[in-house]
Amino acid sequence: MDEKAKRKEIYENMAVPSAVLAMAGPTVISQLISLIYNTADTFFIGRLGDPLQVAAVSIAAPAALMITALSNLFGIGGASMYSRAMGKNEIERAGQIASFSLIAAFLLSLFVAVLAAIFPNALLSILGADADTAPHAYKYILWVFILGAVPSMMSLVMSHFVRANGAAKLSGYVLAGGGILNLILDPILMYDFGFGLGISGAAIATFLSNIFTLVFFAVYILRRKSTFFQGRALSFSKEISLGVMGAGLPGMLQTLLASVSNAVLNHLVGAFGGTAIAAMGIAKKLDQIPMSVTIGFSQGIVPLLGYNYSAGNHGRMKKVLRCTMIMALSFSFACVLLFELIPAQLIGFFIEDATTISMGAPLLRIMCVSTPLMAVAFLMVTMFQSVGGIKESSTISLMRKGAVDIPLMLIVGSFLPLVGLAFIQPVSECIAMIVAFIFYRKRFGNKKA
């Protein structure tokens, strides 16, 4: 079966649970492996026994999120439009969408890298670094954000198009391969039995893994020029450029505002010291596990939702969403149970520092309550993105990150204790979920599946 026939079978005929797993299974696995190697940086740096270096990774995290956010603009937006074009059998238009998205992503990532290289001190200040953490944080962002912006962003954008072309498993395998490479390189580059580069070694490992994935995805796309660049592919028409960015805007906003939210949180937590930043950072790493599964599911089903919506098969589209939500929620509730039962042991896995553990355990218990709420809201954003609901998806994204949590942190954050800051996340996610259900019922509630 060729790729076109295989894609048609998954999108139109395969049983919904099987189709969801076929498309989202590899992306879920790749997200988890990506989380593992990102978390591995925290783990390996934690073995150095210095909370300030662990804090530096947490401080640099919003910068990495910013790259993901910008990649969503052209990755999610472009792949969504690409899938809809393929659903209508508009092959040449699909190629134009792909070429615009890839070229625009490259130029934007290059601009961000140059800007960060010129103003590194301003970037560190925005991220919440102080005199103690800034030297360590710079070593990390140099490789992950400044030198790593282009390969990181381009590999993420390409992964979306490879999935949209029906090669979900390949995309997952390549991302997983990059993650495994990072895990292997971390101890070799960091510790004295290898290169002894410390936190810089962790950052270089991430940089090299992104180069690895970029090369594989580039080879795949170039070998399929007839699919991705058919006809007059180099088109920068207003319809395509605004369509791609409009479809990708909610996904970009959602992650970009998460980056801003994390930076604001770092500033507030920083008042309690570097150890507090390390504790919050580890708690958020663990809290990200169920969210990564939801992100994997959402990225995987974008082509399914967009294709069936364009083909007029709204019943199948809604079944895909419901099936995916059940899977994501099941995993989220399992994680909540685990985090509530053994939070101290989980924090202690990353760093053997009693103060960090005592600070981090209650933070994890509070924040993890929001993970099922996150799953619902995030999948609703994906649903509206896939069908061109820019207004709805953007509003839900703003409710999740930006419109509620940032004002709350700025207004009451300075008066709250460290544990009190953790309650802001469940509040904002609950509001976002309610808004998402209102939008969904208004647009799809009265239509039969």
Protein backbone atom coordinates (compact mmCIF):
# COMPACT_ATOMS: atom_id res chain seq x y z
CA MET A 1 0.00 0.00 0.00
CA ASP A 2 1.49 3.36 -1.04
CA GLU A 3 1.53 6.39 1.26
CA LYS A 4 -1.55 7.99 -0.28
CA ALA A 5 -3.65 4.84 0.07
CA LYS A 6 -2.37 4.27 3.59
CA ARG A 7 -3.27 7.82 4.58
CA LYS A 8 -6.74 7.47 3.09
CA GLU A 9 -7.33 4.20 4.95
CA ILE A 10 -6.36 5.72 8.32
CA TYR A 11 -8.25 8.96 7.80
CA GLU A 12 -11.48 7.51 6.39
CA ASN A 13 -11.99 3.81 7.12
CA MET A 14 -9.97 2.53 10.08
CA ALA A 15 -11.78 2.10 13.40
CA VAL A 16 -11.50 5.35 15.39
CA PRO A 17 -9.47 3.99 18.35
CA SER A 18 -7.08 2.28 15.93
CA ALA A 19 -6.78 5.42 13.80
CA VAL A 20 -6.09 7.55 16.88
CA LEU A 21 -3.40 5.14 18.09
CA ALA A 22 -1.91 4.85 14.60
CA MET A 23 -1.55 8.62 14.28
CA ALA A 24 -1.04 9.65 17.91
CA GLY A 25 0.80 6.63 19.32
CA PRO A 26 4.15 7.58 17.80
CA THR A 27 3.75 11.25 18.76
CA VAL A 28 2.87 10.32 22.35
CA ILE A 29 5.96 8.13 22.53
CA SER A 30 8.14 10.83 21.00
CA GLN A 31 6.73 13.42 23.43
CA LEU A 32 7.49 11.17 26.38
CA ILE A 33 10.99 10.48 25.14
CA SER A 34 11.47 14.19 24.51
CA LEU A 35 10.29 14.85 28.06
CA ILE A 36 12.60 12.13 29.35
CA TYR A 37 15.67 13.64 27.74
CA ASN A 38 14.66 17.15 28.82
CA THR A 39 14.07 15.80 32.32
CA ALA A 40 17.32 13.88 32.05
CA ASP A 41 19.14 17.21 31.94
CA THR A 42 17.60 18.05 35.31
CA PHE A 43 18.39 14.56 36.63
CA PHE A 44 22.03 14.51 35.52
CA ILE A 45 22.61 18.10 36.62
CA GLY A 46 20.99 17.21 39.95
CA ARG A 47 23.65 14.51 40.39
CA LEU A 48 26.18 17.36 40.53
CA GLY A 49 24.62 18.27 43.88
CA ASP A 50 24.23 21.98 43.14
CA PRO A 51 20.66 23.39 43.44
CA LEU A 52 21.77 26.56 41.63
CA GLN A 53 22.58 24.59 38.47
CA VAL A 54 19.23 22.80 38.70
CA ALA A 55 17.63 26.23 39.10
CA ALA A 56 19.50 27.41 35.98
CA VAL A 57 17.82 24.71 33.88
CA SER A 58 14.42 25.81 35.22
CA ILE A 59 15.26 29.42 34.40
CA ALA A 60 16.23 28.45 30.84
CA ALA A 61 13.04 26.39 30.35
CA PRO A 62 10.90 29.34 29.16
CA ALA A 63 13.44 30.00 26.39
CA ALA A 64 13.09 26.42 25.14
CA LEU A 65 9.30 26.77 25.37
CA MET A 66 9.55 29.89 23.22
CA ILE A 67 11.18 27.88 20.43
CA THR A 68 8.40 25.29 20.67
CA ALA A 69 5.81 28.07 20.58
CA LEU A 70 7.24 29.61 17.41
CA SER A 71 7.48 26.18 15.78
CA ASN A 72 3.76 25.67 16.51
CA LEU A 73 2.96 28.76 14.44
CA PHE A 74 4.23 27.12 11.24
CA GLY A 75 4.20 23.46 12.29
CA ILE A 76 0.68 23.07 13.66
CA GLY A 77 -0.68 25.84 11.44
CA GLY A 78 0.98 24.54 8.29
CA ALA A 79 0.23 20.87 8.95
CA SER A 80 -3.42 21.67 9.68
CA MET A 81 -3.84 23.54 6.37
CA TYR A 82 -1.77 20.90 4.56
CA SER A 83 -4.09 18.13 5.82
CA ARG A 84 -7.20 20.05 4.81
CA ALA A 85 -5.76 20.64 1.34
CA MET A 86 -4.94 16.94 0.99
CA GLY A 87 -8.47 16.10 2.17
CA LYS A 88 -9.77 18.14 -0.79
CA ASN A 89 -7.13 16.58 -3.09
CA GLU A 90 -5.52 20.00 -3.67
CA ILE A 91 -2.02 18.59 -4.07
CA GLU A 92 -0.34 21.67 -5.51
CA ARG A 93 -1.80 23.93 -2.84
CA ALA A 94 -0.62 21.50 -0.17
CA GLY A 95 2.92 21.82 -1.56
CA GLN A 96 2.71 25.60 -1.45
CA ILE A 97 1.62 25.47 2.18
CA ALA A 98 4.54 23.18 3.09
CA SER A 99 7.17 25.30 1.32
CA PHE A 100 5.94 28.55 2.86
CA SER A 101 5.85 27.04 6.36
CA LEU A 102 9.39 25.63 6.17
CA ILE A 103 10.97 28.77 4.72
CA ALA A 104 9.17 31.08 7.15
CA ALA A 105 10.15 28.87 10.11
CA PHE A 106 13.82 28.97 9.10
CA LEU A 107 13.89 32.76 8.76
CA LEU A 108 12.10 33.29 12.07
CA SER A 109 14.34 30.89 13.99
CA LEU A 110 17.45 32.56 12.52
CA PHE A 111 16.15 35.99 13.57
CA VAL A 112 15.47 34.79 17.14
CA ALA A 113 18.94 33.24 17.42
CA VAL A 114 20.69 36.42 16.24
CA LEU A 115 18.61 38.58 18.57
CA ALA A 116 19.44 36.38 21.57
CA ALA A 117 23.16 36.38 20.66
CA ILE A 118 23.21 40.20 20.59
CA PHE A 119 21.29 40.67 23.86
CA PRO A 120 22.05 37.64 26.09
CA ASN A 121 22.03 39.62 29.35
CA ALA A 122 18.60 41.06 28.61
CA LEU A 123 17.31 37.56 27.86
CA LEU A 124 18.69 36.18 31.14
CA SER A 125 17.11 39.05 33.06
CA ILE A 126 13.72 38.42 31.44
CA LEU A 127 13.97 34.73 32.30
CA GLY A 128 14.49 35.53 35.97
CA ALA A 129 18.21 34.83 36.41
CA ASP A 130 20.13 36.61 39.16
CA ALA A 131 23.84 36.97 39.94
CA ASP A 132 24.00 33.41 41.33
CA THR A 133 22.14 31.60 38.54
CA ALA A 134 22.96 33.73 35.45
CA PRO A 135 26.41 32.21 34.70
CA HIS A 136 24.97 28.68 34.76
CA ALA A 137 21.84 29.67 32.81
CA TYR A 138 23.90 31.32 30.06
CA LYS A 139 25.92 28.14 29.52
CA TYR A 140 22.66 26.30 28.94
CA ILE A 141 20.83 28.79 26.69
CA LEU A 142 23.94 29.31 24.55
CA TRP A 143 23.55 25.81 23.09
CA VAL A 144 19.82 25.20 23.53
CA PHE A 145 18.50 28.61 22.49
CA ILE A 146 21.11 30.74 20.74
CA LEU A 147 23.00 28.13 18.68
CA GLY A 148 20.14 25.64 18.92
CA ALA A 149 17.19 27.78 17.80
CA VAL A 150 17.38 26.87 14.10
CA PRO A 151 17.84 23.07 14.38
CA SER A 152 15.34 22.82 17.24
CA MET A 153 12.61 24.82 15.52
CA MET A 154 13.11 23.32 12.07
CA SER A 155 13.06 19.73 13.34
CA LEU A 156 9.79 20.40 15.21
CA VAL A 157 8.12 22.02 12.18
CA MET A 158 9.27 19.23 9.87
CA SER A 159 7.95 16.58 12.27
CA HIS A 160 4.44 18.04 11.92
CA PHE A 161 4.56 17.80 8.12
CA VAL A 162 5.98 14.28 8.14
CA ARG A 163 3.04 13.22 10.34
CA ALA A 164 0.55 15.08 8.16
CA ASN A 165 1.92 13.15 5.18
CA GLY A 166 0.92 9.89 6.88
CA ALA A 167 4.33 8.90 8.27
CA ALA A 168 3.42 9.25 11.95
CA LYS A 169 5.50 6.25 13.00
CA LEU A 170 8.60 7.52 11.23
CA SER A 171 8.20 10.92 12.87
CA GLY A 172 7.91 9.27 16.27
CA TYR A 173 10.90 7.01 15.69
CA VAL A 174 13.13 9.90 14.61
CA LEU A 175 12.16 12.06 17.59
CA ALA A 176 12.66 9.06 19.86
CA GLY A 177 16.08 8.47 18.31
CA GLY A 178 17.06 12.05 19.07
CA GLY A 179 15.93 11.61 22.65
CA ILE A 180 17.90 8.41 23.11
CA LEU A 181 20.99 10.10 21.66
CA ASN A 182 20.59 12.91 24.17
CA LEU A 183 20.34 10.43 27.05
CA ILE A 184 23.55 8.73 25.92
CA LEU A 185 25.46 11.97 25.44
CA ASP A 186 24.42 13.64 28.72
CA PRO A 187 26.68 11.67 31.10
CA ILE A 188 29.48 11.42 28.54
CA LEU A 189 29.67 15.18 28.06
CA MET A 190 28.86 16.22 31.63
CA TYR A 191 30.93 14.11 33.99
CA ASP A 192 34.63 13.78 34.67
CA PHE A 193 34.87 10.27 33.22
CA GLY A 194 33.98 11.88 29.86
CA PHE A 195 34.43 15.50 28.84
CA GLY A 196 33.55 16.99 32.25
CA LEU A 197 31.60 19.92 30.80
CA GLY A 198 28.92 20.03 33.51
CA ILE A 199 25.78 21.98 32.61
CA SER A 200 27.29 22.94 29.24
CA GLY A 201 27.57 19.24 28.42
CA ALA A 202 23.83 18.77 29.04
CA ALA A 203 23.06 21.67 26.70
CA ILE A 204 25.42 20.39 23.97
CA ALA A 205 23.77 16.96 24.17
CA THR A 206 20.39 18.58 23.49
CA PHE A 207 21.86 20.61 20.61
CA LEU A 208 23.36 17.51 18.95
CA SER A 209 20.13 15.52 19.31
CA ASN A 210 18.24 18.33 17.53
CA ILE A 211 20.79 18.26 14.70
CA PHE A 212 20.21 14.50 14.43
CA THR A 213 16.42 14.84 14.06
CA LEU A 214 16.74 17.78 11.67
CA VAL A 215 18.94 15.81 9.27
CA PHE A 216 16.59 12.81 9.19
CA PHE A 217 13.46 14.89 8.61
CA ALA A 218 15.19 16.98 5.93
CA VAL A 219 16.24 13.83 4.04
CA TYR A 220 12.67 12.45 4.24
CA ILE A 221 11.13 15.66 2.88
CA LEU A 222 13.70 16.15 0.13
CA ARG A 223 13.17 12.59 -1.08
CA ARG A 224 9.46 13.36 -1.45
CA LYS A 225 9.64 16.60 -3.38
CA SER A 226 6.73 15.49 -5.55
CA THR A 227 4.48 15.46 -2.47
CA PHE A 228 5.73 18.45 -0.53
CA PHE A 229 6.77 20.76 -3.35
CA GLN A 230 4.55 19.80 -6.27
CA GLY A 231 3.84 22.42 -8.93
CA ARG A 232 4.50 26.10 -8.26
CA ALA A 233 5.49 25.37 -4.68
CA LEU A 234 7.13 28.66 -3.75
CA SER A 235 4.03 30.67 -3.00
CA PHE A 236 3.86 33.45 -0.43
CA SER A 237 0.30 34.44 -1.19
CA LYS A 238 -1.71 36.30 1.41
CA GLU A 239 -4.23 33.47 1.58
CA ILE A 240 -1.61 30.84 2.41
CA SER A 241 0.58 32.93 4.72
CA LEU A 242 -2.32 34.31 6.76
CA GLY A 243 -4.05 30.92 6.73
CA VAL A 244 -1.00 29.10 8.11
CA MET A 245 -0.29 31.70 10.77
CA GLY A 246 -3.96 32.00 11.68
CA ALA A 247 -4.28 28.24 12.17
CA GLY A 248 -1.03 28.08 14.12
CA LEU A 249 -1.62 31.19 16.23
CA PRO A 250 -3.58 29.45 19.04
CA GLY A 251 -0.91 26.75 19.40
CA MET A 252 1.81 29.38 19.41
CA LEU A 253 -0.03 31.55 21.93
CA GLN A 254 -0.69 28.60 24.19
CA THR A 255 2.99 27.67 24.42
CA LEU A 256 4.34 31.24 24.25
CA LEU A 257 2.12 32.33 27.12
CA ALA A 258 3.25 29.25 29.04
CA SER A 259 6.80 30.52 28.50
CA VAL A 260 5.88 33.99 29.77
CA SER A 261 3.98 32.46 32.70
CA ASN A 262 7.00 30.35 33.67
CA ALA A 263 9.28 33.39 33.47
CA VAL A 264 6.96 35.42 35.74
CA LEU A 265 6.80 32.46 38.13
CA ASN A 266 10.60 32.22 38.18
CA HIS A 267 10.82 35.88 39.18
CA LEU A 268 8.36 35.40 42.05
CA VAL A 269 9.82 32.09 43.23
CA GLY A 270 13.29 33.62 43.02
CA ALA A 271 12.40 35.75 46.06
CA PHE A 272 12.55 32.51 48.07
CA GLY A 273 16.06 31.68 46.76
CA GLY A 274 17.71 29.48 44.17
CA THR A 275 16.72 26.30 46.01
CA ALA A 276 13.05 27.28 45.71
CA ILE A 277 13.46 27.71 41.93
CA ALA A 278 15.03 24.25 41.78
CA ALA A 279 12.13 22.76 43.78
CA MET A 280 9.49 24.42 41.60
CA GLY A 281 11.37 23.42 38.45
CA ILE A 282 11.50 19.74 39.43
CA ALA A 283 7.82 19.77 40.42
CA LYS A 284 6.91 21.29 37.05
CA LYS A 285 9.03 18.69 35.22
CA LEU A 286 7.04 15.91 36.86
CA ASP A 287 3.78 17.76 36.33
CA GLN A 288 4.64 17.95 32.63
CA ILE A 289 4.53 14.16 32.19
CA PRO A 290 0.74 13.85 31.75
CA MET A 291 0.70 17.09 29.78
CA SER A 292 3.28 15.67 27.37
CA VAL A 293 1.01 12.71 26.70
CA THR A 294 -1.87 15.09 25.95
CA ILE A 295 0.36 17.14 23.63
CA GLY A 296 1.40 13.95 21.86
CA PHE A 297 -2.22 12.95 21.34
CA SER A 298 -3.19 16.43 20.16
CA GLN A 299 -0.35 16.67 17.64
CA GLY A 300 -1.13 13.21 16.32
CA ILE A 301 -4.85 13.80 15.70
CA VAL A 302 -4.52 17.20 14.00
CA PRO A 303 -4.41 15.59 10.51
CA LEU A 304 -7.33 13.27 11.40
CA LEU A 305 -9.51 16.13 12.59
CA GLY A 306 -8.60 18.49 9.74
CA TYR A 307 -9.03 15.86 7.02
CA ASN A 308 -12.44 14.65 8.21
CA TYR A 309 -13.70 18.18 8.80
CA SER A 310 -12.77 19.21 5.24
CA ALA A 311 -14.25 15.99 3.86
CA GLY A 312 -17.55 16.75 5.64
CA ASN A 313 -17.30 13.71 7.93
CA HIS A 314 -18.05 15.60 11.14
CA GLY A 315 -19.30 12.51 12.95
CA ARG A 316 -15.97 10.75 12.62
CA MET A 317 -14.18 13.96 13.59
CA LYS A 318 -16.12 14.18 16.88
CA LYS A 319 -15.54 10.50 17.61
CA VAL A 320 -11.79 11.04 17.19
CA LEU A 321 -11.90 13.87 19.75
CA ARG A 322 -13.92 11.86 22.28
CA CYS A 323 -11.73 8.78 21.96
CA THR A 324 -8.56 10.84 22.35
CA MET A 325 -9.92 12.66 25.38
CA ILE A 326 -10.72 9.39 27.16
CA MET A 327 -7.18 8.13 26.57
CA ALA A 328 -5.53 11.36 27.71
CA LEU A 329 -7.71 11.70 30.80
CA SER A 330 -7.06 8.12 31.86
CA PHE A 331 -3.32 8.72 31.86
CA SER A 332 -3.71 12.09 33.63
CA PHE A 333 -5.72 10.60 36.52
CA ALA A 334 -3.17 7.80 36.93
CA CYS A 335 -0.40 10.40 37.22
CA VAL A 336 -2.37 12.45 39.75
CA LEU A 337 -2.71 9.35 41.96
CA LEU A 338 1.02 8.65 41.77
CA PHE A 339 2.05 12.26 42.46
CA GLU A 340 -0.27 12.50 45.48
CA LEU A 341 1.01 9.25 47.00
CA ILE A 342 4.80 9.63 46.71
CA PRO A 343 5.72 13.27 45.93
CA ALA A 344 8.82 13.41 48.15
CA GLN A 345 10.28 10.25 46.62
CA LEU A 346 9.73 11.61 43.12
CA ILE A 347 11.40 14.96 43.91
CA GLY A 348 14.23 13.09 45.64
CA PHE A 349 14.85 11.08 42.48
CA PHE A 350 16.26 14.25 40.88
CA ILE A 351 18.30 15.71 43.70
CA GLU A 352 19.46 14.46 47.09
CA ASP A 353 18.94 17.74 48.90
CA ALA A 354 16.56 17.71 51.88
CA THR A 355 15.58 21.37 51.55
CA THR A 356 14.71 21.06 47.86
CA ILE A 357 12.67 17.90 48.54
CA SER A 358 10.71 19.47 51.40
CA MET A 359 9.89 22.50 49.23
CA GLY A 360 9.04 20.51 46.10
CA ALA A 361 6.73 17.80 47.49
CA PRO A 362 3.77 20.06 48.44
CA LEU A 363 4.16 22.01 45.18
CA LEU A 364 3.81 18.82 43.16
CA ARG A 365 0.74 17.71 45.12
CA ILE A 366 -1.06 20.96 44.40
CA MET A 367 -0.09 21.47 40.75
CA CYS A 368 -0.82 17.90 39.64
CA VAL A 369 -4.54 18.38 40.36
CA SER A 370 -4.74 20.54 37.24
CA THR A 371 -3.44 17.92 34.80
CA PRO A 372 -6.86 16.40 33.88
CA LEU A 373 -8.19 19.94 33.38
CA MET A 374 -5.21 20.68 31.13
CA ALA A 375 -5.95 17.60 29.04
CA VAL A 376 -9.52 18.68 28.29
CA ALA A 377 -8.68 22.31 27.53
CA PHE A 378 -5.64 21.48 25.39
CA LEU A 379 -7.52 18.93 23.26
CA MET A 380 -10.34 21.42 22.75
CA VAL A 381 -7.78 23.93 21.48
CA THR A 382 -6.52 21.29 19.04
CA MET A 383 -10.07 20.59 17.87
CA PHE A 384 -10.78 24.22 17.05
CA GLN A 385 -7.34 24.67 15.45
CA SER A 386 -8.01 21.76 13.12
CA VAL A 387 -11.33 23.15 11.89
CA GLY A 388 -10.18 26.75 11.51
CA GLY A 389 -11.77 27.99 14.75
CA ILE A 390 -9.13 30.62 15.41
CA LYS A 391 -11.29 32.72 17.73
CA GLU A 392 -12.28 29.80 19.96
CA SER A 393 -8.85 28.16 20.12
CA SER A 394 -7.11 31.48 20.79
CA THR A 395 -9.52 32.36 23.60
CA ILE A 396 -9.10 28.97 25.31
CA SER A 397 -5.33 29.29 24.99
CA LEU A 398 -5.45 32.72 26.61
CA MET A 399 -7.54 31.37 29.47
CA ARG A 400 -5.04 28.55 30.05
CA LYS A 401 -1.97 30.72 30.00
CA GLY A 402 -1.91 34.49 30.09
CA ALA A 403 -5.33 35.96 30.79
CA VAL A 404 -5.79 34.41 34.23
CA ASP A 405 -2.56 33.07 35.70
CA ILE A 406 -0.20 35.94 34.85
CA PRO A 407 -2.48 38.68 36.29
CA LEU A 408 -3.07 36.55 39.40
CA MET A 409 0.66 36.08 39.89
CA LEU A 410 1.39 39.77 39.36
CA ILE A 411 -1.45 40.94 41.64
CA VAL A 412 -1.24 38.49 44.54
CA GLY A 413 1.98 36.60 43.85
CA SER A 414 4.17 38.82 45.98
CA PHE A 415 1.82 38.28 48.96
CA LEU A 416 1.52 34.49 48.63
CA PRO A 417 3.83 31.95 50.21
CA LEU A 418 5.69 29.58 47.91
CA VAL A 419 2.97 26.91 48.23
CA GLY A 420 0.29 29.51 47.50
CA LEU A 421 1.79 30.21 44.07
CA ALA A 422 1.14 26.59 43.08
CA PHE A 423 -2.64 27.06 43.46
CA ILE A 424 -2.78 29.55 40.58
CA GLN A 425 -2.27 26.81 37.96
CA PRO A 426 -5.37 24.71 38.89
CA VAL A 427 -7.51 27.87 39.01
CA SER A 428 -6.55 28.99 35.48
CA GLU A 429 -6.89 25.49 34.00
CA CYS A 430 -10.37 25.08 35.50
CA ILE A 431 -11.54 28.37 33.96
CA ALA A 432 -10.06 27.39 30.58
CA MET A 433 -11.84 24.03 30.63
CA ILE A 434 -15.22 25.65 31.37
CA VAL A 435 -14.74 28.14 28.51
CA ALA A 436 -13.73 25.28 26.17
CA PHE A 437 -16.91 23.33 26.92
CA ILE A 438 -19.05 26.42 26.31
CA PHE A 439 -17.44 26.97 22.89
CA TYR A 440 -17.69 23.30 21.95
CA ARG A 441 -21.36 23.06 22.88
CA LYS A 442 -22.13 26.24 20.98
CA ARG A 443 -20.45 25.07 17.77
CA PHE A 444 -20.84 21.28 17.80
CA GLY A 445 -23.22 20.39 20.64
CA ASN A 446 -26.38 20.20 18.58
CA LYS A 447 -24.84 18.27 15.70
CA LYS A 448 -25.14 14.52 15.74
CA ALA A 449 -21.93 12.50 15.72
